N, C-alpha and C. Protein backbone atom coordinates (compact mmCIF):
# COMPACT_ATOMS: atom_id res chain seq x y z
N MET A 1 -47.93 25.43 -138.53
CA MET A 1 -48.25 24.26 -139.29
C MET A 1 -49.66 23.88 -139.09
N LYS A 2 -50.43 23.70 -140.03
CA LYS A 2 -51.86 23.09 -140.09
C LYS A 2 -51.92 21.82 -139.17
N LEU A 3 -50.95 21.06 -139.07
CA LEU A 3 -50.95 19.62 -138.43
C LEU A 3 -51.24 19.98 -136.85
N ARG A 4 -50.82 21.21 -136.43
CA ARG A 4 -50.94 21.66 -135.07
C ARG A 4 -52.34 21.64 -134.55
N GLN A 5 -53.27 21.64 -135.52
CA GLN A 5 -54.63 21.81 -135.14
C GLN A 5 -55.01 20.52 -134.34
N LEU A 6 -54.23 19.66 -134.50
CA LEU A 6 -54.39 18.11 -133.92
C LEU A 6 -53.97 18.05 -132.52
N ASP A 7 -53.35 19.25 -131.94
CA ASP A 7 -52.70 19.06 -130.55
C ASP A 7 -53.78 18.72 -129.59
N LYS A 8 -55.19 19.26 -129.94
CA LYS A 8 -56.08 18.97 -128.79
C LYS A 8 -56.33 17.48 -128.43
N LEU A 9 -55.87 16.65 -129.58
CA LEU A 9 -56.17 15.07 -129.46
C LEU A 9 -55.13 14.49 -128.66
N VAL A 10 -54.08 15.11 -128.43
CA VAL A 10 -53.03 14.27 -127.56
C VAL A 10 -53.62 13.89 -126.15
N GLY A 11 -53.26 12.44 -125.97
CA GLY A 11 -53.67 12.03 -124.66
C GLY A 11 -54.47 10.69 -125.09
N SER A 12 -55.23 10.23 -123.93
CA SER A 12 -55.94 8.83 -124.06
C SER A 12 -57.68 9.38 -124.17
N TRP A 13 -58.18 8.67 -124.93
CA TRP A 13 -59.54 8.95 -125.24
C TRP A 13 -60.39 7.32 -125.13
N SER A 14 -61.49 7.53 -124.42
CA SER A 14 -62.43 6.30 -124.50
C SER A 14 -63.49 6.64 -125.56
N VAL A 15 -63.75 5.46 -126.26
CA VAL A 15 -64.59 5.46 -127.50
C VAL A 15 -65.80 4.66 -127.17
N THR A 16 -66.97 5.12 -127.14
CA THR A 16 -68.40 4.64 -126.75
C THR A 16 -69.27 5.19 -127.76
N GLY A 17 -70.24 4.27 -128.15
CA GLY A 17 -71.42 4.50 -129.01
C GLY A 17 -72.27 3.16 -128.85
N LEU A 18 -73.42 3.38 -129.66
CA LEU A 18 -74.42 2.34 -129.48
C LEU A 18 -73.81 1.23 -129.88
N GLU A 19 -72.99 0.74 -130.85
CA GLU A 19 -72.41 -0.61 -131.03
C GLU A 19 -70.95 -0.57 -130.92
N VAL A 20 -70.10 0.43 -130.56
CA VAL A 20 -68.89 0.60 -130.47
C VAL A 20 -68.14 0.89 -129.15
N LYS A 21 -67.23 0.35 -128.91
CA LYS A 21 -66.31 0.83 -127.62
C LYS A 21 -64.88 0.69 -127.85
N GLY A 22 -64.17 1.30 -127.12
CA GLY A 22 -62.72 1.12 -127.16
C GLY A 22 -61.91 2.16 -126.48
N LYS A 23 -60.45 2.11 -126.96
CA LYS A 23 -59.84 3.00 -126.37
C LYS A 23 -58.70 3.45 -127.34
N VAL A 24 -58.39 4.78 -127.27
CA VAL A 24 -57.21 5.10 -128.42
C VAL A 24 -56.34 6.12 -127.54
N THR A 25 -55.09 6.32 -128.01
CA THR A 25 -54.00 7.28 -127.53
C THR A 25 -53.37 7.90 -128.68
N PHE A 26 -53.26 9.29 -128.54
CA PHE A 26 -52.72 9.92 -129.52
C PHE A 26 -51.52 10.63 -129.08
N ALA A 27 -50.24 10.66 -129.82
CA ALA A 27 -48.94 11.01 -129.28
C ALA A 27 -48.38 11.64 -130.46
N TRP A 28 -47.52 12.66 -130.63
CA TRP A 28 -46.35 13.05 -131.51
C TRP A 28 -45.62 12.11 -131.58
N PHE A 29 -45.01 11.78 -132.73
CA PHE A 29 -43.81 10.87 -133.06
C PHE A 29 -42.78 11.75 -133.13
N ALA A 30 -41.51 11.21 -132.69
CA ALA A 30 -40.45 11.79 -132.59
C ALA A 30 -40.14 12.86 -133.73
N GLY A 31 -40.02 14.03 -133.48
CA GLY A 31 -39.79 15.30 -134.57
C GLY A 31 -40.89 16.05 -134.81
N GLY A 32 -42.09 15.64 -134.34
CA GLY A 32 -43.30 16.25 -134.30
C GLY A 32 -43.91 16.56 -135.93
N TRP A 33 -43.46 15.50 -136.77
CA TRP A 33 -44.09 15.67 -138.24
C TRP A 33 -45.32 14.94 -138.27
N TYR A 34 -45.51 13.89 -137.33
CA TYR A 34 -46.65 12.99 -137.54
C TYR A 34 -47.39 12.66 -136.09
N LEU A 35 -48.75 12.72 -136.12
CA LEU A 35 -49.34 12.46 -135.00
C LEU A 35 -49.78 10.97 -135.04
N VAL A 36 -49.53 10.11 -133.95
CA VAL A 36 -49.70 8.46 -134.21
C VAL A 36 -50.91 8.26 -133.13
N GLN A 37 -51.79 7.79 -133.76
CA GLN A 37 -53.00 7.09 -132.88
C GLN A 37 -52.79 5.69 -132.89
N LYS A 38 -52.96 5.12 -131.55
CA LYS A 38 -52.95 3.53 -131.48
C LYS A 38 -54.05 3.24 -130.61
N GLY A 39 -54.73 2.22 -130.88
CA GLY A 39 -55.90 1.93 -129.89
C GLY A 39 -56.54 0.44 -130.54
N TRP A 40 -57.78 0.59 -129.81
CA TRP A 40 -58.61 -0.55 -130.28
C TRP A 40 -60.05 -0.34 -130.31
N ILE A 41 -60.72 -0.96 -130.88
CA ILE A 41 -62.17 -0.72 -130.87
C ILE A 41 -62.80 -1.94 -131.13
N GLU A 42 -63.97 -2.29 -130.46
CA GLU A 42 -64.73 -3.31 -130.56
C GLU A 42 -66.10 -2.75 -131.28
N ILE A 43 -66.41 -3.19 -132.47
CA ILE A 43 -67.71 -2.88 -133.26
C ILE A 43 -68.30 -4.10 -133.75
N TRP A 44 -69.50 -4.18 -133.47
CA TRP A 44 -70.53 -5.43 -133.89
C TRP A 44 -69.90 -6.65 -133.70
N GLY A 45 -69.24 -6.71 -132.55
CA GLY A 45 -68.64 -7.98 -131.95
C GLY A 45 -67.19 -8.24 -132.43
N ARG A 46 -66.72 -7.34 -133.25
CA ARG A 46 -65.29 -7.59 -133.96
C ARG A 46 -64.39 -6.71 -133.03
N LYS A 47 -63.18 -7.07 -132.69
CA LYS A 47 -62.30 -6.40 -131.99
C LYS A 47 -61.03 -6.01 -133.05
N ILE A 48 -60.74 -4.69 -133.00
CA ILE A 48 -59.95 -4.42 -134.14
C ILE A 48 -58.81 -3.50 -133.28
N THR A 49 -57.45 -3.83 -133.51
CA THR A 49 -56.67 -3.13 -133.13
C THR A 49 -56.01 -2.43 -134.29
N PHE A 50 -55.40 -1.18 -133.99
CA PHE A 50 -54.96 -0.33 -135.14
C PHE A 50 -53.82 0.57 -134.62
N VAL A 51 -53.19 1.06 -135.72
CA VAL A 51 -51.91 2.10 -135.66
C VAL A 51 -52.50 3.30 -136.82
N GLU A 52 -52.39 4.46 -136.48
CA GLU A 52 -52.65 5.36 -137.46
C GLU A 52 -51.72 6.61 -137.36
N TYR A 53 -50.99 6.86 -138.48
CA TYR A 53 -50.01 7.95 -138.79
C TYR A 53 -50.80 9.13 -139.52
N ILE A 54 -50.87 10.19 -138.84
CA ILE A 54 -51.51 11.66 -139.32
C ILE A 54 -50.45 12.46 -139.74
N GLY A 55 -50.41 13.11 -140.91
CA GLY A 55 -49.59 14.07 -141.36
C GLY A 55 -49.98 15.16 -142.04
N TYR A 56 -49.30 16.11 -142.49
CA TYR A 56 -49.65 17.23 -143.43
C TYR A 56 -49.26 16.94 -144.78
N ASP A 57 -50.17 16.99 -145.65
CA ASP A 57 -49.96 16.98 -147.03
C ASP A 57 -50.17 18.34 -147.66
N PRO A 58 -48.90 18.98 -148.18
CA PRO A 58 -49.09 20.42 -148.58
C PRO A 58 -49.60 20.38 -149.89
N LYS A 59 -49.59 19.47 -150.80
CA LYS A 59 -50.40 19.33 -152.08
C LYS A 59 -51.80 19.63 -152.01
N ARG A 60 -52.28 18.57 -150.86
CA ARG A 60 -53.87 18.88 -150.70
C ARG A 60 -54.07 19.85 -149.63
N ARG A 61 -52.99 20.33 -148.94
CA ARG A 61 -53.12 21.43 -147.88
C ARG A 61 -54.24 20.85 -146.87
N ALA A 62 -54.06 19.58 -146.46
CA ALA A 62 -54.77 19.01 -145.41
C ALA A 62 -54.14 18.10 -144.59
N CYS A 63 -54.58 17.71 -143.45
CA CYS A 63 -54.09 16.55 -142.51
C CYS A 63 -54.69 15.27 -142.99
N VAL A 64 -53.74 14.36 -143.52
CA VAL A 64 -54.17 13.04 -144.21
C VAL A 64 -53.56 12.06 -143.27
N SER A 65 -54.24 10.85 -143.13
CA SER A 65 -53.81 9.85 -142.41
C SER A 65 -53.79 8.29 -142.99
N HIS A 66 -52.99 7.54 -142.52
CA HIS A 66 -52.98 6.10 -143.15
C HIS A 66 -53.36 5.09 -141.83
N LEU A 67 -54.53 4.36 -141.68
CA LEU A 67 -54.68 3.56 -140.58
C LEU A 67 -54.43 2.13 -141.13
N PHE A 68 -53.51 1.41 -140.29
CA PHE A 68 -53.34 -0.07 -140.53
C PHE A 68 -53.98 -0.91 -139.40
N ASP A 69 -54.73 -1.92 -139.52
CA ASP A 69 -55.25 -2.60 -138.50
C ASP A 69 -55.06 -4.22 -138.63
N ASN A 70 -55.39 -5.07 -137.49
CA ASN A 70 -54.90 -6.27 -137.20
C ASN A 70 -55.49 -7.33 -138.30
N PHE A 71 -56.53 -6.58 -139.35
CA PHE A 71 -56.76 -7.45 -140.19
C PHE A 71 -56.18 -7.44 -141.49
N GLY A 72 -55.18 -6.48 -141.48
CA GLY A 72 -54.38 -6.16 -142.96
C GLY A 72 -55.01 -5.36 -143.70
N ASP A 73 -56.04 -4.31 -143.26
CA ASP A 73 -56.66 -3.41 -143.85
C ASP A 73 -55.90 -2.00 -143.85
N LEU A 74 -55.99 -1.28 -144.80
CA LEU A 74 -55.34 0.09 -144.80
C LEU A 74 -56.40 0.98 -145.24
N PHE A 75 -56.54 2.13 -144.42
CA PHE A 75 -57.54 3.09 -144.69
C PHE A 75 -56.97 4.37 -144.56
N THR A 76 -57.63 5.50 -145.39
CA THR A 76 -57.04 6.66 -145.61
C THR A 76 -58.17 7.56 -145.14
N TYR A 77 -57.75 8.73 -144.36
CA TYR A 77 -58.50 9.76 -143.74
C TYR A 77 -58.25 10.98 -143.91
N GLU A 78 -58.92 12.13 -143.86
CA GLU A 78 -58.56 13.37 -143.76
C GLU A 78 -59.21 14.01 -142.41
N TRP A 79 -58.26 14.65 -141.78
CA TRP A 79 -58.68 15.22 -140.44
C TRP A 79 -58.76 16.73 -140.58
N GLU A 80 -59.79 17.32 -139.56
CA GLU A 80 -59.85 18.62 -139.33
C GLU A 80 -60.18 18.95 -137.98
N VAL A 81 -59.73 19.51 -137.11
CA VAL A 81 -59.92 20.05 -135.78
C VAL A 81 -60.02 21.47 -135.63
N LYS A 82 -61.13 22.02 -135.22
CA LYS A 82 -61.13 23.30 -134.90
C LYS A 82 -61.46 23.61 -133.41
N LYS A 83 -61.69 24.74 -133.05
CA LYS A 83 -61.87 25.00 -131.65
C LYS A 83 -62.82 24.28 -130.97
N THR A 84 -63.95 23.96 -131.52
CA THR A 84 -65.17 23.42 -130.85
C THR A 84 -65.43 22.08 -131.67
N ALA A 85 -64.89 21.81 -132.81
CA ALA A 85 -65.34 20.92 -133.72
C ALA A 85 -64.17 20.01 -134.28
N ILE A 86 -64.78 18.61 -134.59
CA ILE A 86 -63.83 17.84 -135.20
C ILE A 86 -64.59 17.00 -136.61
N THR A 87 -63.68 16.81 -137.49
CA THR A 87 -64.37 16.36 -138.73
C THR A 87 -63.34 15.25 -139.21
N ILE A 88 -63.68 13.93 -139.36
CA ILE A 88 -62.70 12.99 -140.08
C ILE A 88 -63.46 12.52 -141.18
N TRP A 89 -63.01 12.72 -142.38
CA TRP A 89 -63.32 12.16 -143.67
C TRP A 89 -62.88 10.97 -144.10
N PHE A 90 -63.83 10.05 -144.57
CA PHE A 90 -63.15 8.82 -145.04
C PHE A 90 -62.64 9.31 -146.44
N GLY A 91 -61.48 8.99 -146.65
CA GLY A 91 -60.85 9.28 -148.03
C GLY A 91 -60.36 10.59 -148.04
N GLN A 92 -61.19 11.61 -148.63
CA GLN A 92 -60.67 12.80 -148.47
C GLN A 92 -62.01 13.81 -148.14
N GLU A 93 -61.63 15.18 -147.89
CA GLU A 93 -62.63 16.13 -147.58
C GLU A 93 -63.79 16.06 -148.60
N ASP A 94 -64.99 16.21 -148.02
CA ASP A 94 -66.28 16.14 -148.84
C ASP A 94 -66.51 14.96 -149.61
N SER A 95 -66.00 13.79 -149.24
CA SER A 95 -66.14 12.59 -149.55
C SER A 95 -67.91 11.92 -149.54
N GLY A 96 -68.49 12.57 -148.49
CA GLY A 96 -69.72 12.07 -148.19
C GLY A 96 -69.68 11.20 -146.96
N ASN A 97 -68.72 10.68 -146.58
CA ASN A 97 -68.62 9.65 -145.51
C ASN A 97 -67.75 10.22 -144.61
N CYS A 98 -68.25 10.83 -143.31
CA CYS A 98 -67.52 11.34 -142.47
C CYS A 98 -67.94 11.33 -141.06
N PHE A 99 -67.32 11.59 -140.22
CA PHE A 99 -67.59 11.83 -138.59
C PHE A 99 -67.42 13.29 -138.46
N LYS A 100 -68.62 13.71 -137.83
CA LYS A 100 -68.54 14.99 -137.37
C LYS A 100 -69.01 15.20 -135.78
N GLY A 101 -68.22 15.91 -135.27
CA GLY A 101 -68.20 15.99 -133.70
C GLY A 101 -68.06 17.24 -133.14
N ARG A 102 -68.47 17.51 -131.95
CA ARG A 102 -68.19 18.64 -131.20
C ARG A 102 -67.55 18.36 -129.88
N PHE A 103 -66.53 19.18 -129.66
CA PHE A 103 -65.82 18.94 -128.19
C PHE A 103 -66.80 19.64 -127.08
N ALA A 104 -66.67 18.93 -126.02
CA ALA A 104 -67.19 19.37 -124.67
C ALA A 104 -66.61 20.58 -124.46
N LYS A 105 -67.39 21.58 -123.56
CA LYS A 105 -66.76 22.82 -123.24
C LYS A 105 -65.33 22.55 -122.57
N ASP A 106 -65.05 21.37 -121.66
CA ASP A 106 -63.95 21.32 -120.81
C ASP A 106 -62.91 20.91 -121.93
N GLY A 107 -63.21 20.39 -122.94
CA GLY A 107 -62.37 19.74 -123.79
C GLY A 107 -61.85 18.48 -123.78
N LYS A 108 -62.64 17.65 -122.71
CA LYS A 108 -61.99 16.33 -122.39
C LYS A 108 -62.96 15.20 -123.09
N SER A 109 -63.67 15.60 -123.86
CA SER A 109 -64.68 14.50 -124.64
C SER A 109 -65.03 15.30 -125.94
N TYR A 110 -65.55 14.46 -126.87
CA TYR A 110 -66.24 14.62 -128.00
C TYR A 110 -67.21 13.95 -128.39
N SER A 111 -68.42 14.37 -129.05
CA SER A 111 -69.34 13.34 -129.48
C SER A 111 -70.04 13.74 -130.77
N GLY A 112 -70.64 12.67 -131.49
CA GLY A 112 -70.81 13.21 -132.92
C GLY A 112 -71.51 11.89 -133.59
N ALA A 113 -71.66 12.07 -134.84
CA ALA A 113 -71.95 10.80 -135.79
C ALA A 113 -71.31 10.97 -136.91
């Protein structure tokens, strides 16, 4: 199943950047049909806590997610993780708004923009 490409994310990650910091954790939901990300980030002085459910959409043939935050916002993303790369599109693939990153050789971190 294409969803298993996200196995690499399971665990806890620190989020750091020029104007962002935070902590996130990925874990498989019971049954293994969804990957759940929980965490918080602080960006531009605003602290956001969230939960995100990532699953496989067979119609789109893609890993898609719904993120819910403490401000009542709902965001949709599309995920792709390869051996050395991660791409997260806002909305859907090729939306023009995405994060592209590369995993470190040890697989314990990734960076990008």
